[in-house]
């Protein structure tokens, strides 16, 4: 998928949420020391081969250091034809409030390890370092429950000969709950 289509999709989502979602009077109940659990589904589009798109499941647990800064751990699991791919990482996310008290932009990043196992005539397992950056929109449905849409760019160290073959893009859709 070309970069301009990804950018247009994310901008369209931002505009749609901004226009369709009316401002609510009650703001989400966020404060330091809250814990957060989140689950998301993902569409993964490898930059070097968009035809190899697959679905993914991801779960994360975080801690609000302040009411807008979240630190935590993330696990993402890919399963497709004779391959399992697991990413585990530590992440940071910053929530940026805009005019609607229930609507936040977010920016973040993560670093961790990738474990890839494949089952062909020459089965094997590989471990690599990865880093990612993410941006998106989070809308609070209630005081502590949110829906989010985001874009994540993942780069795997030693994953290929150039940037396109060692990176992939992810569009994420998920729910989170502060505890």
N, C-alpha and C. Protein backbone atom coordinates (compact mmCIF):
# COMPACT_ATOMS: atom_id res chain seq x y z
N UNK A 1 0.86 -1.16 0.00
CA UNK A 1 0.00 0.00 0.00
C UNK A 1 0.91 1.24 0.00
N UNK A 2 0.73 2.15 -0.96
CA UNK A 2 1.58 3.35 -1.01
C UNK A 2 1.39 4.22 0.24
N UNK A 3 2.45 4.95 0.59
CA UNK A 3 2.42 5.79 1.79
C UNK A 3 1.33 6.85 1.73
N UNK A 4 1.05 7.39 0.54
CA UNK A 4 0.03 8.44 0.46
C UNK A 4 -1.36 7.87 0.78
N UNK A 5 -1.61 6.60 0.49
CA UNK A 5 -2.90 5.98 0.84
C UNK A 5 -2.99 5.80 2.36
N UNK A 6 -1.89 5.38 2.99
CA UNK A 6 -1.88 5.25 4.45
C UNK A 6 -2.14 6.60 5.12
N UNK A 7 -1.44 7.63 4.65
CA UNK A 7 -1.62 8.97 5.22
C UNK A 7 -3.05 9.47 5.01
N UNK A 8 -3.60 9.26 3.83
CA UNK A 8 -4.96 9.67 3.54
C UNK A 8 -5.96 8.93 4.42
N UNK A 9 -5.74 7.63 4.64
CA UNK A 9 -6.63 6.84 5.50
C UNK A 9 -6.62 7.37 6.93
N UNK A 10 -5.43 7.63 7.47
CA UNK A 10 -5.33 8.13 8.84
C UNK A 10 -5.95 9.52 8.96
N UNK A 11 -5.68 10.41 7.99
CA UNK A 11 -6.27 11.75 8.03
C UNK A 11 -7.79 11.68 7.92
N UNK A 12 -8.29 10.79 7.07
CA UNK A 12 -9.74 10.64 6.93
C UNK A 12 -10.37 10.18 8.24
N UNK A 13 -9.72 9.24 8.92
CA UNK A 13 -10.23 8.76 10.21
C UNK A 13 -10.25 9.89 11.23
N UNK A 14 -9.19 10.71 11.24
CA UNK A 14 -9.14 11.84 12.17
C UNK A 14 -10.27 12.83 11.90
N UNK A 15 -10.48 13.17 10.63
CA UNK A 15 -11.54 14.11 10.26
C UNK A 15 -12.91 13.52 10.57
N UNK A 16 -13.11 12.25 10.25
CA UNK A 16 -14.40 11.60 10.49
C UNK A 16 -14.73 11.59 11.97
N UNK A 17 -13.78 11.20 12.80
CA UNK A 17 -14.02 11.18 14.24
C UNK A 17 -14.27 12.59 14.75
N UNK A 18 -13.54 13.56 14.25
CA UNK A 18 -13.69 14.95 14.68
C UNK A 18 -15.06 15.52 14.32
N UNK A 19 -15.56 15.17 13.13
CA UNK A 19 -16.84 15.71 12.66
C UNK A 19 -18.03 14.94 13.22
N UNK A 20 -17.95 13.61 13.22
CA UNK A 20 -19.09 12.77 13.59
C UNK A 20 -19.30 12.72 15.10
N UNK A 21 -18.22 12.71 15.87
CA UNK A 21 -18.33 12.55 17.32
C UNK A 21 -18.56 13.91 17.97
N UNK A 22 -19.73 14.14 18.54
CA UNK A 22 -19.97 15.43 19.19
C UNK A 22 -19.21 15.54 20.51
N UNK A 23 -18.93 16.75 20.91
CA UNK A 23 -18.25 16.97 22.19
C UNK A 23 -19.17 16.55 23.33
N UNK A 24 -18.64 15.82 24.28
CA UNK A 24 -19.40 15.37 25.44
C UNK A 24 -19.03 16.24 26.65
N UNK A 25 -19.94 16.39 27.56
CA UNK A 25 -19.66 17.20 28.74
C UNK A 25 -18.76 16.50 29.74
N UNK A 26 -18.86 15.18 29.86
CA UNK A 26 -18.05 14.49 30.85
C UNK A 26 -16.76 13.98 30.21
N UNK A 27 -15.66 14.35 30.82
CA UNK A 27 -14.35 13.92 30.34
C UNK A 27 -14.01 12.56 30.93
N UNK A 28 -13.11 11.83 30.29
CA UNK A 28 -12.71 10.54 30.86
C UNK A 28 -12.03 10.74 32.22
N UNK A 29 -12.12 9.74 33.05
CA UNK A 29 -11.58 9.80 34.40
C UNK A 29 -10.17 9.23 34.41
N UNK A 30 -9.19 10.04 34.00
CA UNK A 30 -7.80 9.59 33.91
C UNK A 30 -6.97 10.28 34.98
N UNK A 31 -6.08 9.52 35.61
CA UNK A 31 -5.17 10.08 36.59
C UNK A 31 -3.96 9.16 36.73
N UNK A 32 -2.92 9.68 37.37
CA UNK A 32 -1.72 8.88 37.59
C UNK A 32 -2.07 7.65 38.42
N UNK A 33 -1.33 6.58 38.24
CA UNK A 33 -1.45 5.31 38.95
C UNK A 33 -2.62 4.45 38.47
N UNK A 34 -3.33 4.86 37.43
CA UNK A 34 -4.33 3.97 36.84
C UNK A 34 -3.60 2.87 36.09
N UNK A 35 -4.22 1.72 35.98
CA UNK A 35 -3.68 0.64 35.15
C UNK A 35 -4.59 0.51 33.94
N UNK A 36 -4.04 0.01 32.83
CA UNK A 36 -4.82 -0.11 31.61
C UNK A 36 -4.60 -1.47 30.97
N UNK A 37 -5.68 -2.08 30.50
CA UNK A 37 -5.61 -3.29 29.70
C UNK A 37 -6.21 -2.97 28.35
N UNK A 38 -5.58 -3.48 27.29
CA UNK A 38 -6.07 -3.19 25.95
C UNK A 38 -5.92 -4.42 25.06
N UNK A 39 -6.81 -4.54 24.10
CA UNK A 39 -6.73 -5.60 23.10
C UNK A 39 -7.06 -4.97 21.76
N UNK A 40 -6.36 -5.44 20.73
CA UNK A 40 -6.62 -4.88 19.41
C UNK A 40 -6.44 -5.94 18.34
N UNK A 41 -7.11 -5.72 17.25
CA UNK A 41 -6.93 -6.51 16.05
C UNK A 41 -6.18 -5.63 15.06
N UNK A 42 -5.46 -6.25 14.17
CA UNK A 42 -4.58 -5.49 13.30
C UNK A 42 -4.62 -6.03 11.88
N UNK A 43 -4.43 -5.14 10.95
CA UNK A 43 -4.20 -5.52 9.57
C UNK A 43 -2.75 -5.18 9.29
N UNK A 44 -1.91 -6.18 8.97
CA UNK A 44 -0.49 -5.96 8.72
C UNK A 44 -0.22 -5.99 7.23
N UNK A 45 0.39 -4.91 6.71
CA UNK A 45 0.71 -4.80 5.29
C UNK A 45 2.22 -4.67 5.15
N UNK A 46 2.95 -5.74 4.80
CA UNK A 46 4.40 -5.63 4.61
C UNK A 46 4.71 -4.66 3.47
N UNK A 47 5.63 -3.74 3.71
CA UNK A 47 5.96 -2.74 2.69
C UNK A 47 6.56 -3.37 1.44
N UNK A 48 7.25 -4.49 1.58
CA UNK A 48 7.88 -5.10 0.41
C UNK A 48 6.93 -6.00 -0.37
N UNK A 49 5.80 -6.40 0.22
CA UNK A 49 4.87 -7.30 -0.47
C UNK A 49 3.45 -7.13 0.08
N UNK A 50 2.72 -6.11 -0.37
CA UNK A 50 1.36 -5.87 0.13
C UNK A 50 0.41 -7.06 -0.06
N UNK A 51 0.71 -7.95 -0.98
CA UNK A 51 -0.14 -9.12 -1.19
C UNK A 51 -0.08 -10.09 -0.01
N UNK A 52 0.92 -9.97 0.86
CA UNK A 52 1.07 -10.85 2.01
C UNK A 52 0.40 -10.31 3.27
N UNK A 53 -0.62 -9.51 3.12
CA UNK A 53 -1.35 -8.93 4.26
C UNK A 53 -2.00 -10.03 5.09
N UNK A 54 -1.94 -9.89 6.44
CA UNK A 54 -2.58 -10.86 7.32
C UNK A 54 -3.17 -10.18 8.55
N UNK A 55 -3.94 -10.93 9.30
CA UNK A 55 -4.53 -10.42 10.52
C UNK A 55 -3.69 -10.78 11.73
N UNK A 56 -3.83 -10.01 12.80
CA UNK A 56 -2.98 -10.14 13.98
C UNK A 56 -3.81 -9.84 15.22
N UNK A 57 -3.39 -10.38 16.37
CA UNK A 57 -4.01 -10.01 17.64
C UNK A 57 -2.92 -9.46 18.56
N UNK A 58 -3.28 -8.43 19.32
CA UNK A 58 -2.32 -7.77 20.20
C UNK A 58 -2.99 -7.47 21.53
N UNK A 59 -2.22 -7.59 22.60
CA UNK A 59 -2.71 -7.25 23.94
C UNK A 59 -1.64 -6.45 24.66
N UNK A 60 -2.08 -5.52 25.50
CA UNK A 60 -1.11 -4.71 26.25
C UNK A 60 -1.64 -4.40 27.63
N UNK A 61 -0.69 -4.22 28.54
CA UNK A 61 -1.00 -3.80 29.90
C UNK A 61 -0.12 -2.60 30.20
N UNK A 62 -0.74 -1.52 30.71
CA UNK A 62 0.01 -0.30 30.94
C UNK A 62 -0.28 0.33 32.28
N UNK A 63 0.50 1.35 32.58
CA UNK A 63 0.40 2.08 33.84
C UNK A 63 0.48 3.56 33.52
N UNK A 64 -0.50 4.33 34.00
CA UNK A 64 -0.49 5.78 33.79
C UNK A 64 0.49 6.41 34.77
N UNK A 65 1.62 6.88 34.26
CA UNK A 65 2.58 7.58 35.11
C UNK A 65 2.01 8.95 35.47
N UNK A 66 1.40 9.62 34.49
CA UNK A 66 0.60 10.83 34.70
C UNK A 66 -0.72 10.57 34.00
N UNK A 67 -1.63 11.53 33.98
CA UNK A 67 -2.90 11.25 33.32
C UNK A 67 -2.81 11.22 31.79
N UNK A 68 -1.66 11.52 31.23
CA UNK A 68 -1.50 11.47 29.77
C UNK A 68 -0.30 10.63 29.30
N UNK A 69 0.49 10.08 30.23
CA UNK A 69 1.67 9.29 29.88
C UNK A 69 1.48 7.85 30.35
N UNK A 70 1.55 6.91 29.40
CA UNK A 70 1.33 5.50 29.70
C UNK A 70 2.60 4.70 29.35
N UNK A 71 3.06 3.88 30.30
CA UNK A 71 4.17 2.96 30.07
C UNK A 71 3.63 1.55 30.26
N UNK A 72 4.18 0.57 29.53
CA UNK A 72 3.69 -0.78 29.74
C UNK A 72 4.40 -1.81 28.90
N UNK A 73 3.79 -3.00 28.84
CA UNK A 73 4.28 -4.11 28.03
C UNK A 73 3.23 -4.47 27.00
N UNK A 74 3.70 -4.95 25.86
CA UNK A 74 2.84 -5.26 24.73
C UNK A 74 3.25 -6.61 24.16
N UNK A 75 2.27 -7.41 23.78
CA UNK A 75 2.53 -8.68 23.10
C UNK A 75 1.69 -8.75 21.84
N UNK A 76 2.30 -9.06 20.73
CA UNK A 76 1.59 -9.16 19.45
C UNK A 76 1.90 -10.51 18.83
N UNK A 77 0.86 -11.22 18.40
CA UNK A 77 1.02 -12.57 17.86
C UNK A 77 0.48 -12.65 16.44
N UNK A 78 1.33 -13.07 15.51
CA UNK A 78 0.96 -13.31 14.11
C UNK A 78 0.93 -14.82 13.91
N UNK A 79 -0.07 -15.29 13.21
CA UNK A 79 -0.08 -16.71 12.82
C UNK A 79 -0.60 -16.79 11.39
N UNK A 80 0.22 -17.37 10.54
CA UNK A 80 -0.19 -17.56 9.16
C UNK A 80 0.50 -18.81 8.64
N UNK A 81 0.27 -19.16 7.44
CA UNK A 81 0.71 -20.41 6.85
C UNK A 81 2.09 -20.87 7.32
N UNK A 82 2.10 -21.86 8.21
CA UNK A 82 3.31 -22.52 8.72
C UNK A 82 4.31 -21.59 9.39
N UNK A 83 3.83 -20.45 9.89
CA UNK A 83 4.72 -19.50 10.55
C UNK A 83 4.02 -18.93 11.79
N UNK A 84 4.76 -18.79 12.89
CA UNK A 84 4.28 -18.04 14.05
C UNK A 84 5.30 -16.95 14.33
N UNK A 85 4.81 -15.80 14.67
CA UNK A 85 5.66 -14.63 14.84
C UNK A 85 5.17 -13.88 16.07
N UNK A 86 6.01 -13.74 17.09
CA UNK A 86 5.60 -13.11 18.34
C UNK A 86 6.51 -11.92 18.64
N UNK A 87 5.90 -10.78 18.92
CA UNK A 87 6.63 -9.57 19.30
C UNK A 87 6.29 -9.25 20.75
N UNK A 88 7.29 -9.04 21.57
CA UNK A 88 7.05 -8.59 22.94
C UNK A 88 7.91 -7.35 23.17
N UNK A 89 7.32 -6.35 23.82
CA UNK A 89 8.04 -5.07 23.93
C UNK A 89 7.60 -4.28 25.15
N UNK A 90 8.40 -3.29 25.47
CA UNK A 90 8.02 -2.25 26.40
C UNK A 90 7.60 -1.05 25.57
N UNK A 91 6.58 -0.34 26.00
CA UNK A 91 6.10 0.79 25.18
C UNK A 91 5.86 2.03 26.02
N UNK A 92 5.80 3.15 25.33
CA UNK A 92 5.43 4.45 25.91
C UNK A 92 4.40 5.06 24.98
N UNK A 93 3.39 5.68 25.55
CA UNK A 93 2.37 6.37 24.75
C UNK A 93 2.01 7.68 25.43
N UNK A 94 1.89 8.74 24.64
CA UNK A 94 1.49 10.07 25.13
C UNK A 94 0.13 10.39 24.54
N UNK A 95 -0.85 10.69 25.40
CA UNK A 95 -2.18 11.12 24.96
C UNK A 95 -2.18 12.64 24.83
N UNK A 96 -2.69 13.13 23.70
CA UNK A 96 -2.73 14.57 23.44
C UNK A 96 -4.19 14.97 23.32
N UNK A 97 -4.67 15.77 24.25
CA UNK A 97 -6.07 16.19 24.27
C UNK A 97 -6.31 17.26 23.22
N UNK A 98 -7.45 17.14 22.53
CA UNK A 98 -7.86 18.18 21.59
C UNK A 98 -9.18 18.76 22.11
N UNK A 99 -9.90 19.53 21.31
CA UNK A 99 -11.06 20.29 21.80
C UNK A 99 -12.16 19.43 22.43
N UNK A 100 -12.37 18.21 21.97
CA UNK A 100 -13.40 17.32 22.51
C UNK A 100 -12.81 16.61 23.74
N UNK A 101 -13.44 16.71 24.91
CA UNK A 101 -12.84 16.11 26.11
C UNK A 101 -12.74 14.59 26.08
N UNK A 102 -13.43 13.92 25.17
CA UNK A 102 -13.36 12.46 25.06
C UNK A 102 -12.44 12.00 23.94
N UNK A 103 -11.91 12.91 23.17
CA UNK A 103 -11.11 12.56 21.99
C UNK A 103 -9.65 12.96 22.21
N UNK A 104 -8.74 12.00 22.01
CA UNK A 104 -7.32 12.23 22.19
C UNK A 104 -6.56 11.72 20.98
N UNK A 105 -5.52 12.42 20.60
CA UNK A 105 -4.54 11.88 19.65
C UNK A 105 -3.51 11.16 20.51
N UNK A 106 -2.83 10.18 19.94
CA UNK A 106 -1.74 9.56 20.70
C UNK A 106 -0.52 9.37 19.80
N UNK A 107 0.64 9.47 20.44
CA UNK A 107 1.93 9.21 19.81
C UNK A 107 2.67 8.28 20.75
N UNK A 108 3.43 7.36 20.19
CA UNK A 108 4.15 6.46 21.06
C UNK A 108 5.23 5.70 20.33
N UNK A 109 5.89 4.86 21.08
CA UNK A 109 6.94 4.03 20.52
C UNK A 109 7.18 2.82 21.41
N UNK A 110 7.86 1.83 20.85
CA UNK A 110 8.15 0.61 21.60
C UNK A 110 9.46 0.01 21.09
N UNK A 111 10.07 -0.80 21.92
CA UNK A 111 11.26 -1.55 21.53
C UNK A 111 11.17 -2.91 22.21
N UNK A 112 11.62 -3.95 21.50
CA UNK A 112 11.54 -5.27 22.10
C UNK A 112 12.16 -6.34 21.24
N UNK A 113 11.71 -7.57 21.43
CA UNK A 113 12.25 -8.72 20.73
C UNK A 113 11.18 -9.37 19.88
N UNK A 114 11.60 -9.89 18.75
CA UNK A 114 10.74 -10.60 17.82
C UNK A 114 11.23 -12.05 17.76
N UNK A 115 10.32 -13.01 17.92
CA UNK A 115 10.65 -14.43 17.79
C UNK A 115 9.84 -15.00 16.64
N UNK A 116 10.52 -15.48 15.64
CA UNK A 116 9.88 -16.02 14.44
C UNK A 116 10.18 -17.51 14.36
N UNK A 117 9.13 -18.34 14.23
CA UNK A 117 9.29 -19.79 14.06
C UNK A 117 8.61 -20.19 12.77
N UNK A 118 9.30 -20.96 11.96
CA UNK A 118 8.71 -21.40 10.70
C UNK A 118 8.84 -22.91 10.58
N UNK A 119 7.88 -23.50 9.89
CA UNK A 119 7.77 -24.96 9.80
C UNK A 119 7.68 -25.37 8.34
N UNK A 120 8.80 -25.36 7.67
CA UNK A 120 8.91 -25.82 6.29
C UNK A 120 9.79 -27.05 6.29
N UNK A 121 10.37 -27.42 5.16
CA UNK A 121 11.29 -28.55 5.12
C UNK A 121 12.54 -28.28 5.96
N UNK A 122 12.85 -27.00 6.19
CA UNK A 122 13.98 -26.62 7.06
C UNK A 122 13.45 -25.72 8.17
N UNK A 123 12.82 -26.31 9.17
CA UNK A 123 12.22 -25.56 10.27
C UNK A 123 13.28 -24.81 11.07
N UNK A 124 12.85 -23.73 11.73
CA UNK A 124 13.79 -22.98 12.53
C UNK A 124 13.13 -21.88 13.33
N UNK A 125 13.93 -21.21 14.13
CA UNK A 125 13.46 -20.10 14.95
C UNK A 125 14.51 -19.01 14.89
N UNK A 126 14.05 -17.76 14.82
CA UNK A 126 14.97 -16.63 14.82
C UNK A 126 14.52 -15.58 15.82
N UNK A 127 15.49 -14.84 16.37
CA UNK A 127 15.21 -13.79 17.34
C UNK A 127 15.87 -12.50 16.84
N UNK A 128 15.10 -11.41 16.83
CA UNK A 128 15.63 -10.13 16.37
C UNK A 128 15.10 -8.99 17.23
N UNK A 129 15.84 -7.90 17.25
CA UNK A 129 15.42 -6.68 17.93
C UNK A 129 14.50 -5.91 16.99
N UNK A 130 13.47 -5.26 17.54
CA UNK A 130 12.63 -4.39 16.71
C UNK A 130 12.29 -3.12 17.47
N UNK A 131 11.93 -2.11 16.73
CA UNK A 131 11.45 -0.84 17.29
C UNK A 131 10.27 -0.39 16.44
N UNK A 132 9.33 0.32 17.06
CA UNK A 132 8.21 0.84 16.28
C UNK A 132 7.81 2.22 16.77
N UNK A 133 7.11 2.93 15.91
CA UNK A 133 6.52 4.21 16.24
C UNK A 133 5.04 4.13 15.89
N UNK A 134 4.20 4.83 16.65
CA UNK A 134 2.77 4.76 16.39
C UNK A 134 2.12 6.12 16.58
N UNK A 135 0.99 6.29 15.89
CA UNK A 135 0.18 7.50 16.02
C UNK A 135 -1.27 7.10 15.77
N UNK A 136 -2.20 7.81 16.40
CA UNK A 136 -3.59 7.47 16.17
C UNK A 136 -4.55 8.34 16.96
N UNK A 137 -5.79 7.86 17.02
CA UNK A 137 -6.89 8.57 17.68
C UNK A 137 -7.52 7.63 18.70
N UNK A 138 -7.78 8.15 19.90
CA UNK A 138 -8.46 7.39 20.94
C UNK A 138 -9.72 8.16 21.34
N UNK A 139 -10.87 7.47 21.33
CA UNK A 139 -12.14 8.07 21.73
C UNK A 139 -12.66 7.33 22.95
N UNK A 140 -12.92 8.05 24.04
CA UNK A 140 -13.44 7.45 25.27
C UNK A 140 -14.95 7.29 25.16
N UNK A 141 -15.40 6.03 25.18
CA UNK A 141 -16.82 5.71 25.11
C UNK A 141 -17.50 5.96 26.44
N UNK A 142 -16.76 5.82 27.51
CA UNK A 142 -17.25 6.04 28.87
C UNK A 142 -16.15 6.67 29.70
N UNK A 143 -16.28 6.62 31.01
CA UNK A 143 -15.29 7.24 31.89
C UNK A 143 -13.92 6.58 31.81
N UNK A 144 -13.86 5.27 31.54
CA UNK A 144 -12.58 4.57 31.52
C UNK A 144 -12.42 3.59 30.36
N UNK A 145 -13.35 3.58 29.41
CA UNK A 145 -13.31 2.66 28.28
C UNK A 145 -13.14 3.45 26.99
N UNK A 146 -12.22 3.00 26.14
CA UNK A 146 -11.93 3.75 24.92
C UNK A 146 -11.83 2.83 23.71
N UNK A 147 -12.11 3.40 22.54
CA UNK A 147 -11.89 2.75 21.24
C UNK A 147 -10.80 3.54 20.55
N UNK A 148 -9.88 2.84 19.86
CA UNK A 148 -8.81 3.56 19.18
C UNK A 148 -8.51 2.98 17.81
N UNK A 149 -8.04 3.87 16.95
CA UNK A 149 -7.59 3.54 15.60
C UNK A 149 -6.21 4.15 15.47
N UNK A 150 -5.25 3.37 14.94
CA UNK A 150 -3.91 3.91 14.84
C UNK A 150 -3.12 3.34 13.68
N UNK A 151 -1.94 3.90 13.50
CA UNK A 151 -0.99 3.46 12.48
C UNK A 151 0.34 3.19 13.19
N UNK A 152 0.96 2.07 12.89
CA UNK A 152 2.22 1.69 13.51
C UNK A 152 3.21 1.29 12.42
N UNK A 153 4.43 1.82 12.51
CA UNK A 153 5.51 1.44 11.59
C UNK A 153 6.53 0.65 12.40
N UNK A 154 6.77 -0.59 12.01
CA UNK A 154 7.70 -1.47 12.72
C UNK A 154 8.95 -1.68 11.88
N UNK A 155 10.10 -1.55 12.51
CA UNK A 155 11.38 -1.82 11.84
C UNK A 155 12.09 -2.93 12.60
N UNK A 156 12.45 -4.01 11.89
CA UNK A 156 13.14 -5.14 12.50
C UNK A 156 14.62 -5.07 12.11
N UNK A 157 15.49 -5.00 13.11
CA UNK A 157 16.93 -4.91 12.85
C UNK A 157 17.40 -6.21 12.19
N UNK A 158 18.04 -6.06 11.04
CA UNK A 158 18.54 -7.23 10.32
C UNK A 158 17.44 -8.01 9.62
N UNK A 159 16.28 -7.39 9.45
CA UNK A 159 15.15 -8.08 8.84
C UNK A 159 15.17 -8.11 7.33
N UNK A 160 16.07 -7.37 6.69
CA UNK A 160 16.13 -7.35 5.24
C UNK A 160 17.28 -6.48 4.77
N UNK A 161 17.42 -6.40 3.47
CA UNK A 161 18.54 -5.65 2.90
C UNK A 161 18.26 -4.15 2.80
N UNK A 162 17.01 -3.74 2.80
CA UNK A 162 16.67 -2.33 2.74
C UNK A 162 15.50 -2.05 3.69
N UNK A 163 15.11 -0.78 3.80
CA UNK A 163 14.05 -0.42 4.75
C UNK A 163 12.73 -1.11 4.43
N UNK A 164 12.36 -1.18 3.16
CA UNK A 164 11.08 -1.79 2.79
C UNK A 164 11.01 -3.26 3.18
N UNK A 165 12.11 -3.99 3.05
CA UNK A 165 12.06 -5.42 3.37
C UNK A 165 12.30 -5.69 4.86
N UNK A 166 12.69 -4.68 5.64
CA UNK A 166 12.89 -4.90 7.08
C UNK A 166 11.85 -4.14 7.92
N UNK A 167 10.78 -3.70 7.29
CA UNK A 167 9.75 -2.96 8.02
C UNK A 167 8.37 -3.38 7.54
N UNK A 168 7.38 -3.05 8.35
CA UNK A 168 6.00 -3.26 7.94
C UNK A 168 5.12 -2.20 8.59
N UNK A 169 3.96 -2.00 8.00
CA UNK A 169 3.00 -1.02 8.50
C UNK A 169 1.80 -1.76 9.06
N UNK A 170 1.24 -1.25 10.15
CA UNK A 170 0.08 -1.86 10.77
C UNK A 170 -0.99 -0.82 11.01
N UNK A 171 -2.20 -1.10 10.59
CA UNK A 171 -3.35 -0.30 10.96
C UNK A 171 -4.01 -1.04 12.11
N UNK A 172 -4.17 -0.38 13.26
CA UNK A 172 -4.70 -1.05 14.44
C UNK A 172 -6.07 -0.51 14.82
N UNK A 173 -6.91 -1.39 15.33
CA UNK A 173 -8.25 -1.07 15.81
C UNK A 173 -8.41 -1.79 17.14
N UNK A 174 -8.76 -1.10 18.20
CA UNK A 174 -8.85 -1.81 19.46
C UNK A 174 -9.61 -1.08 20.54
N UNK A 175 -9.74 -1.75 21.69
CA UNK A 175 -10.42 -1.22 22.86
C UNK A 175 -9.47 -1.25 24.03
N UNK A 176 -9.62 -0.30 24.95
CA UNK A 176 -8.83 -0.27 26.18
C UNK A 176 -9.74 0.06 27.35
N UNK A 177 -9.31 -0.37 28.52
CA UNK A 177 -10.07 -0.12 29.74
C UNK A 177 -9.10 0.24 30.85
N UNK A 178 -9.30 1.38 31.49
CA UNK A 178 -8.49 1.79 32.63
C UNK A 178 -9.07 1.16 33.88
N UNK A 179 -8.21 0.67 34.75
CA UNK A 179 -8.66 -0.02 35.98
C UNK A 179 -8.27 0.77 37.22
